[in-house]
Amino acid sequence: MGNVIEIKGLTKKYGDLVAVDNVTYDIAEGQIFGLLGPNGCGKTTTILMLMGLIAPSAGTASVNGRDIIKEPLEARRNVGLLTDNVGLYDNMTAKQNLGFFAELADVKDAEASSRIDNLLHLVGLADKQNIKVGTMSRGMRQRLGIAQSLVRDPRILIFDEPTLGIDPEGTKELREIIKLLAREQGRTIVFTSHLLSEVNRLCDRVAIMRTGQVIAIGSIPELRRQIGAKEAEEFEEVFLRIQGVV
C-alpha cells in the first residue's frame, strides 16, 4: 500500500507563535492514524492545513498526490471531514441533511438517493432518517456527521475528536463504524482523540505532538518499546511518559 498523505517540514506560524513546527511523516492507504497531544499542541492546525483551509508558513504536504498549496481544492476533494461540532441543520431531517450535502457535492440525484440510504444504514440511523436533527442526541448527530463526511465517497477521512462528549455506548458504536470504514472498506482514517483507550484499540500508527512538534511516532507496540514500557502498562501512562509529564 502506498502513502496517501505525505507531510514534509510542515510549519505554521502566527506572528511569533509557532503552532506547527517542521512536522514530517507519511500515512499509508487503509491506515487508522491517531494524532495525539494536549490542547494547543497543533493537531487541529495540522488538519486545517491538510484540508487546504489554511496555508502553511513553510514546508508542504500532499493528499492523494495533490499538493495542498498548489492544488488545495483538488487535495480536499477526496477527503471527508468530521469535527467535534458537526455542521448540521437542526430544522431538517437526517435524510434531508444528507440530501442537501449531496447536492452541494454535485452527486447525481439517482446516485445520491442510493448512497444516502446506504449511509444511513451504515451509521445505524435508517430508522431515524425522518427525525429532525435538532431533536437528536449528540451521539446520533456524530453518527450522522460520519455519514455526511462520506457523501462524496472519499478515500480519506479526518475525524477531529469524534467521540467528544459521547457516552460509552455511543463511543463504542462510533469505534465500530471507524473499524468498518478502514478494515472492510479500505479507507484511510486520521483522527484526534483525548480518549487514549480508543486510540489504543483502533490505531495502526500514532503521532504524538507537543508544542507544535511531533515528539514520537509509530505503532503502539513501537511507542512502548521506545520508552521501555511494560506490556501491562496502560497506554495512558505511556503517553504521559512520552509527553514528559511523569
Protein backbone atom coordinates (compact mmCIF):
# COMPACT_ATOMS: atom_id res chain seq x y z
CA MET A 1 0.00 0.00 0.00
CA GLY A 2 1.28 3.45 -0.90
CA ASN A 3 1.14 6.65 1.09
CA VAL A 4 -1.97 8.79 0.63
CA ILE A 5 -0.74 11.62 2.86
CA GLU A 6 2.86 12.87 2.78
CA ILE A 7 3.93 15.72 5.06
CA LYS A 8 7.34 17.36 4.74
CA GLY A 9 8.59 20.09 7.06
CA LEU A 10 5.06 21.42 7.57
CA THR A 11 5.10 24.63 9.62
CA LYS A 12 2.50 27.18 10.61
CA LYS A 13 3.33 30.45 12.37
CA TYR A 14 1.03 33.13 13.72
CA GLY A 15 3.38 36.00 14.36
CA ASP A 16 5.85 34.76 16.98
CA LEU A 17 3.71 31.72 17.80
CA VAL A 18 4.76 28.52 16.06
CA ALA A 19 1.58 26.40 16.01
CA VAL A 20 3.08 23.57 13.92
CA ASP A 21 6.85 23.23 13.84
CA ASN A 22 8.64 21.41 10.98
CA VAL A 23 6.47 18.28 11.02
CA THR A 24 7.31 15.35 8.70
CA TYR A 25 5.57 11.97 8.37
CA ASP A 26 3.57 9.77 5.96
CA ILE A 27 0.23 7.98 6.29
CA ALA A 28 -0.38 4.80 4.32
CA GLU A 29 -3.54 3.85 2.47
CA GLY A 30 -6.06 1.99 4.66
CA GLN A 31 -4.34 3.01 7.89
CA ILE A 32 -6.04 4.29 11.04
CA PHE A 33 -3.69 7.05 12.16
CA GLY A 34 -4.03 8.78 15.53
CA LEU A 35 -2.88 12.38 16.01
CA LEU A 36 -2.50 12.93 19.74
CA GLY A 37 -1.44 15.65 22.14
CA PRO A 38 -2.74 18.21 24.62
CA ASN A 39 -4.94 21.14 23.61
CA GLY A 40 -2.96 23.70 21.64
CA CYS A 41 -0.27 21.27 20.51
CA GLY A 42 -1.01 21.76 16.78
CA LYS A 43 -3.33 18.87 15.92
CA THR A 44 -6.23 20.90 14.55
CA THR A 45 -3.90 23.33 12.78
CA THR A 46 -2.28 20.36 11.01
CA ILE A 47 -5.71 19.11 9.95
CA LEU A 48 -6.74 22.53 8.63
CA MET A 49 -3.57 22.68 6.53
CA LEU A 50 -4.17 19.18 5.15
CA MET A 51 -7.69 20.26 4.19
CA GLY A 52 -6.32 23.31 2.37
CA LEU A 53 -8.28 25.61 4.67
CA ILE A 54 -5.21 27.46 5.93
CA ALA A 55 -1.88 27.85 4.18
CA PRO A 56 1.40 26.60 5.68
CA SER A 57 4.12 29.10 6.54
CA ALA A 58 6.74 26.61 5.35
CA GLY A 59 7.01 23.03 4.14
CA THR A 60 4.39 21.19 2.19
CA ALA A 61 2.11 18.18 2.13
CA SER A 62 0.29 16.11 -0.45
CA VAL A 63 -3.09 14.42 -0.12
CA ASN A 64 -3.87 11.76 -2.71
CA GLY A 65 -0.88 13.04 -4.64
CA ARG A 66 -2.22 16.60 -4.71
CA ASP A 67 -0.14 19.44 -3.30
CA ILE A 68 -2.09 21.26 -0.56
CA ILE A 69 -0.52 24.60 -1.55
CA LYS A 70 -0.74 24.40 -5.34
CA GLU A 71 -3.96 22.36 -5.54
CA PRO A 72 -5.91 22.87 -2.29
CA LEU A 73 -9.34 22.23 -3.81
CA GLU A 74 -8.21 19.05 -5.57
CA ALA A 75 -6.40 17.90 -2.42
CA ARG A 76 -9.50 18.04 -0.27
CA ARG A 77 -11.95 16.78 -2.90
CA ASN A 78 -11.37 13.18 -1.84
CA VAL A 79 -11.30 13.90 1.90
CA GLY A 80 -14.23 13.74 4.31
CA LEU A 81 -14.08 15.82 7.50
CA LEU A 82 -15.88 15.37 10.80
CA THR A 83 -15.25 17.91 13.57
CA ASP A 84 -16.33 17.79 17.21
CA ASN A 85 -19.13 20.22 16.34
CA VAL A 86 -20.91 18.81 13.30
CA GLY A 87 -22.34 21.42 10.93
CA LEU A 88 -25.87 20.08 10.53
CA TYR A 89 -29.20 21.86 10.05
CA ASP A 90 -31.42 21.30 13.09
CA ASN A 91 -34.69 22.05 11.29
CA MET A 92 -34.04 19.38 8.65
CA THR A 93 -34.31 15.62 8.99
CA ALA A 94 -31.31 13.32 8.84
CA LYS A 95 -32.14 12.34 5.26
CA GLN A 96 -32.75 15.94 4.21
CA ASN A 97 -29.37 16.97 5.63
CA LEU A 98 -27.57 14.30 3.64
CA GLY A 99 -29.54 15.19 0.52
CA PHE A 100 -28.54 18.83 0.89
CA PHE A 101 -24.85 17.99 1.26
CA ALA A 102 -25.03 15.55 -1.66
CA GLU A 103 -26.39 18.38 -3.80
CA LEU A 104 -23.57 20.67 -2.69
CA ALA A 105 -21.09 17.91 -3.59
CA ASP A 106 -22.64 17.56 -7.09
CA VAL A 107 -23.59 13.94 -6.52
CA LYS A 108 -26.11 12.98 -9.21
CA ASP A 109 -29.69 12.54 -7.98
CA ALA A 110 -30.02 8.82 -8.77
CA GLU A 111 -26.66 8.04 -7.21
CA ALA A 112 -27.32 10.32 -4.23
CA SER A 113 -30.56 8.56 -3.27
CA SER A 114 -28.95 5.14 -3.16
CA ARG A 115 -25.83 6.41 -1.40
CA ILE A 116 -27.81 8.26 1.28
CA ASP A 117 -29.88 5.15 2.05
CA ASN A 118 -26.68 3.09 2.34
CA LEU A 119 -25.01 5.68 4.58
CA LEU A 120 -27.99 5.92 6.93
CA HIS A 121 -27.91 2.14 7.25
CA LEU A 122 -24.14 2.16 7.79
CA VAL A 123 -24.32 4.57 10.73
CA GLY A 124 -27.42 2.96 12.25
CA LEU A 125 -29.84 5.80 11.50
CA ALA A 126 -32.04 4.19 8.84
CA ASP A 127 -34.96 4.09 11.28
CA LYS A 128 -34.30 7.70 12.34
CA GLN A 129 -33.94 9.22 8.87
CA ASN A 130 -37.11 11.32 9.14
CA ILE A 131 -36.35 12.72 12.60
CA LYS A 132 -35.28 16.35 12.74
CA VAL A 133 -31.64 16.73 13.68
CA GLY A 134 -32.45 19.27 16.39
CA THR A 135 -34.07 16.51 18.46
CA MET A 136 -31.14 14.08 18.15
CA SER A 137 -28.67 13.18 20.89
CA ARG A 138 -25.01 14.15 20.45
CA GLY A 139 -24.11 10.55 19.64
CA MET A 140 -26.72 10.40 16.87
CA ARG A 141 -25.53 13.73 15.49
CA GLN A 142 -21.95 12.45 15.37
CA ARG A 143 -23.07 9.31 13.53
CA LEU A 144 -24.94 11.49 11.07
CA GLY A 145 -21.79 13.60 10.79
CA ILE A 146 -19.86 10.50 9.75
CA ALA A 147 -22.50 9.82 7.09
CA GLN A 148 -22.17 13.43 5.93
CA SER A 149 -18.38 13.08 5.65
CA LEU A 150 -18.95 10.07 3.36
CA VAL A 151 -21.37 11.74 0.92
CA ARG A 152 -18.60 12.30 -1.65
CA ASP A 153 -17.41 8.71 -1.12
CA PRO A 154 -13.91 9.89 -0.11
CA ARG A 155 -10.99 7.52 0.39
CA ILE A 156 -9.58 9.62 3.25
CA LEU A 157 -11.49 10.61 6.38
CA ILE A 158 -10.34 13.08 9.01
CA PHE A 159 -12.19 12.90 12.33
CA ASP A 160 -11.36 15.61 14.87
CA GLU A 161 -12.45 14.44 18.35
CA PRO A 162 -15.36 12.35 17.02
CA THR A 163 -16.25 10.87 20.43
CA LEU A 164 -16.03 14.09 22.48
CA GLY A 165 -18.96 14.35 24.90
CA ILE A 166 -20.47 11.00 23.90
CA ASP A 167 -21.45 8.30 26.40
CA PRO A 168 -19.65 4.90 26.47
CA GLU A 169 -22.32 3.18 24.37
CA GLY A 170 -22.16 5.87 21.71
CA THR A 171 -18.35 5.78 21.76
CA LYS A 172 -18.40 2.04 21.17
CA GLU A 173 -20.79 2.47 18.23
CA LEU A 174 -18.53 5.09 16.64
CA ARG A 175 -15.50 2.88 17.19
CA GLU A 176 -17.15 0.01 15.33
CA ILE A 177 -18.06 2.32 12.43
CA ILE A 178 -14.46 3.57 12.20
CA LYS A 179 -13.14 0.00 12.18
CA LEU A 180 -15.57 -0.98 9.44
CA LEU A 181 -14.63 2.01 7.28
CA ALA A 182 -10.94 1.15 7.49
CA ARG A 183 -10.85 -2.65 7.73
CA GLU A 184 -13.69 -3.54 5.38
CA GLN A 185 -13.84 -0.54 3.04
CA GLY A 186 -10.12 0.25 2.95
CA ARG A 187 -10.47 3.94 3.72
CA THR A 188 -7.65 5.87 5.39
CA ILE A 189 -8.68 7.48 8.67
CA VAL A 190 -6.87 10.22 10.56
CA PHE A 191 -8.37 11.09 13.91
CA THR A 192 -7.62 13.05 17.04
CA SER A 193 -8.89 11.99 20.44
CA HIS A 194 -8.31 12.50 24.13
CA LEU A 195 -9.68 9.01 24.81
CA LEU A 196 -6.41 7.09 24.83
CA SER A 197 -8.17 3.77 25.36
CA GLU A 198 -9.89 4.28 21.99
CA VAL A 199 -6.58 5.15 20.35
CA ASN A 200 -5.04 2.00 21.80
CA ARG A 201 -7.89 -0.11 20.41
CA LEU A 202 -8.09 1.45 16.96
CA CYS A 203 -4.84 2.90 15.69
CA ASP A 204 -2.31 1.24 13.43
CA ARG A 205 0.03 4.18 13.97
CA VAL A 206 0.16 7.23 16.19
CA ALA A 207 1.91 10.60 16.13
CA ILE A 208 2.23 12.35 19.49
CA MET A 209 2.57 16.14 19.39
CA ARG A 210 3.74 18.71 21.92
CA THR A 211 4.13 22.46 21.35
CA GLY A 212 3.77 22.07 17.60
CA GLN A 213 6.27 19.25 17.17
CA VAL A 214 5.90 15.51 16.66
CA ILE A 215 7.84 14.06 19.58
CA ALA A 216 7.10 10.37 18.92
CA ILE A 217 5.61 8.34 16.08
CA GLY A 218 4.95 4.66 15.48
CA SER A 219 2.60 1.82 16.29
CA ILE A 220 1.51 1.38 19.91
CA PRO A 221 3.98 -1.52 20.41
CA GLU A 222 6.76 0.59 18.87
CA LEU A 223 5.99 3.50 21.20
CA ARG A 224 6.07 1.12 24.16
CA ARG A 225 9.48 -0.19 23.11
CA GLN A 226 10.83 3.34 22.61
CA ILE A 227 10.38 4.12 26.30
CA GLY A 228 10.84 0.59 27.65
CA ALA A 229 7.22 0.31 28.84
CA LYS A 230 6.00 -2.96 30.26
CA GLU A 231 3.28 -4.88 28.41
CA ALA A 232 0.83 -4.40 31.28
CA GLU A 233 1.40 -0.64 31.37
CA GLU A 234 -1.65 1.36 30.29
CA PHE A 235 -1.27 3.40 27.10
CA GLU A 236 -2.26 6.49 29.08
CA GLU A 237 0.89 6.01 31.17
CA VAL A 238 2.96 5.52 28.01
CA PHE A 239 1.53 8.72 26.54
CA LEU A 240 2.25 10.74 29.69
CA ARG A 241 5.82 9.44 29.86
CA ILE A 242 6.43 10.42 26.23
CA GLN A 243 4.99 13.85 26.99
CA GLY A 244 7.38 14.11 29.94
CA VAL A 245 4.55 14.56 32.44
CA VAL A 246 5.54 11.56 34.57
